[in-house]
Protein backbone atom coordinates (compact mmCIF):
# COMPACT_ATOMS: atom_id res chain seq x y z
CA MET A 1 153.02 121.14 83.39
CA LYS A 2 149.94 120.03 85.29
CA THR A 3 149.51 118.01 88.47
CA LEU A 4 146.55 115.88 89.54
CA LYS A 5 145.46 116.10 93.18
CA SER A 6 143.08 113.37 94.32
CA ILE A 7 139.83 114.70 95.75
CA TYR A 8 137.56 111.68 96.16
CA GLN A 9 137.31 108.12 94.90
CA ASN A 10 135.12 105.05 95.22
CA ASN A 11 134.75 101.70 93.43
CA LEU A 12 133.38 103.35 90.29
CA GLY A 13 135.99 106.04 89.74
CA SER A 14 138.01 109.00 90.96
CA CYS A 15 137.91 112.77 90.88
CA TYR A 16 141.03 114.94 90.73
CA GLN A 17 141.84 118.63 90.69
CA VAL A 18 143.99 119.59 87.70
CA ILE A 19 146.52 122.07 89.04
CA ASN A 20 148.66 124.33 86.85
CA ASP A 21 152.23 124.02 88.18
CA LYS A 22 153.23 127.53 87.06
CA ASP A 23 150.91 129.49 89.33
CA LEU A 24 149.30 126.65 91.37
CA SER A 25 145.86 127.61 90.06
CA ILE A 26 143.16 124.98 89.62
CA ASP A 27 142.35 124.57 85.94
CA CYS A 28 139.46 122.10 86.20
CA LEU A 29 138.40 118.75 87.59
CA ALA A 30 139.30 115.42 86.02
CA LEU A 31 136.55 112.87 86.51
CA GLU A 32 137.57 109.28 85.81
CA ILE A 33 134.75 106.77 85.50
CA ASN A 34 135.24 103.22 84.23
CA GLN A 35 138.72 104.10 82.89
CA ILE A 36 137.39 107.07 80.90
CA SER A 37 138.43 110.57 81.95
CA PHE A 38 136.82 113.87 81.13
CA LEU A 39 137.40 117.40 82.30
CA ILE A 40 134.69 119.48 83.95
CA ASP A 41 134.54 122.63 86.03
CA ASP A 42 132.87 123.11 89.40
CA SER A 43 129.56 124.32 87.96
CA GLU A 44 129.43 121.35 85.58
CA LEU A 45 130.01 119.03 88.57
CA LYS A 46 126.96 120.50 90.28
CA THR A 47 124.90 120.11 87.09
CA PHE A 48 126.05 116.49 86.74
CA ILE A 49 124.96 115.84 90.35
CA LYS A 50 121.49 117.23 89.63
CA SER A 51 121.23 115.16 86.45
CA THR A 52 122.22 111.98 88.31
CA GLU A 53 119.74 112.67 91.11
CA THR A 54 116.97 113.25 88.56
CA ILE A 55 117.74 109.92 86.91
CA LEU A 56 117.80 108.14 90.28
CA ASN A 57 114.47 109.69 91.26
CA HIS A 58 112.98 108.63 87.95
CA HIS A 59 114.27 105.07 88.26
CA SER A 60 113.24 104.76 91.90
CA GLN A 61 109.67 104.57 90.61
CA CYS A 62 110.62 101.95 88.01
CA THR A 63 109.20 98.45 88.53
CA CYS A 64 112.16 96.77 86.83
CA PRO A 65 114.70 94.84 88.96
CA LYS A 66 117.33 97.06 90.59
CA ASP A 67 120.16 94.90 89.20
CA LEU A 68 118.98 95.26 85.60
CA GLU A 69 121.64 97.18 83.66
CA ASN A 70 119.38 99.58 81.83
CA LYS A 71 119.98 102.94 83.48
CA MET A 72 121.07 105.55 80.94
CA VAL A 73 122.96 108.50 82.38
CA ILE A 74 123.02 111.50 80.09
CA TYR A 75 125.08 114.53 80.95
CA LYS A 76 125.07 117.53 78.64
CA ASN A 77 127.10 120.68 78.82
CA GLN A 78 127.66 123.39 76.24
CA GLN A 79 130.02 121.40 74.04
CA THR A 80 129.69 117.77 75.08
CA GLU A 81 127.12 115.09 75.67
CA ILE A 82 128.13 112.05 77.69
CA ARG A 83 126.01 108.91 77.75
CA MET A 84 126.74 106.01 80.04
CA LEU A 85 124.85 102.79 80.56
CA LEU A 86 125.11 101.87 84.24
CA SER A 87 123.52 99.37 86.59
CA TYR A 88 121.44 100.75 89.44
CA HIS A 89 124.33 100.02 91.84
CA GLN A 90 126.78 101.87 89.58
CA LEU A 91 124.36 104.78 89.38
CA ILE A 92 124.36 105.00 93.19
CA GLN A 93 128.17 104.91 93.11
CA LEU A 94 128.24 107.67 90.49
CA LYS A 95 126.08 109.85 92.72
CA ASP A 96 128.42 109.12 95.65
CA LEU A 97 131.49 109.98 93.57
CA LEU A 98 130.05 113.28 92.36
CA LYS A 99 128.60 114.35 95.72
CA GLY A 100 131.72 113.23 97.58
CA ALA A 101 133.94 115.31 95.31
CA ASP A 102 131.61 118.32 95.62
CA PHE A 103 131.56 117.98 99.42
CA LYS A 104 135.36 117.82 99.66
CA LEU A 105 135.74 120.87 97.38
CA SER A 106 133.15 122.84 99.37
CA MET A 107 134.77 121.85 102.67
CA ASN A 108 138.21 122.92 101.43
CA ASP A 109 136.79 126.28 100.29
CA LEU A 110 135.17 126.79 103.69
CA LEU A 111 138.36 125.91 105.55
CA LYS A 112 140.39 128.30 103.38
CA LYS A 113 137.81 131.06 103.86
CA TYR A 114 138.21 130.89 107.64
CA LYS A 115 141.97 130.25 107.39
CA ILE A 116 141.70 126.89 109.09
CA PHE A 117 143.26 125.00 106.20
């Protein structure tokens, strides 16, 4: 059996750790965005953050209105390609969700390393 532990959430979605109940190991991360969930690992989270930042940097130079819903987010890993059409505001929220989850995971690792947690 597996348990979901909430890591971070905002208006766009949530991120959870998927924990194996047998040995309490962390299997992966469950990222839920707009009622769609997919499983990624920590390195894929970091890649997704970079991809989102690249898209934001590209669109920051765009002369189109910020509220125009034409921002395509493409995330590719070895086996999957995810494409989402998001507004500029949703794209900012996606970046916050990904970076917030990464920050919380990094902070937990640091606290465990120094036996503060």
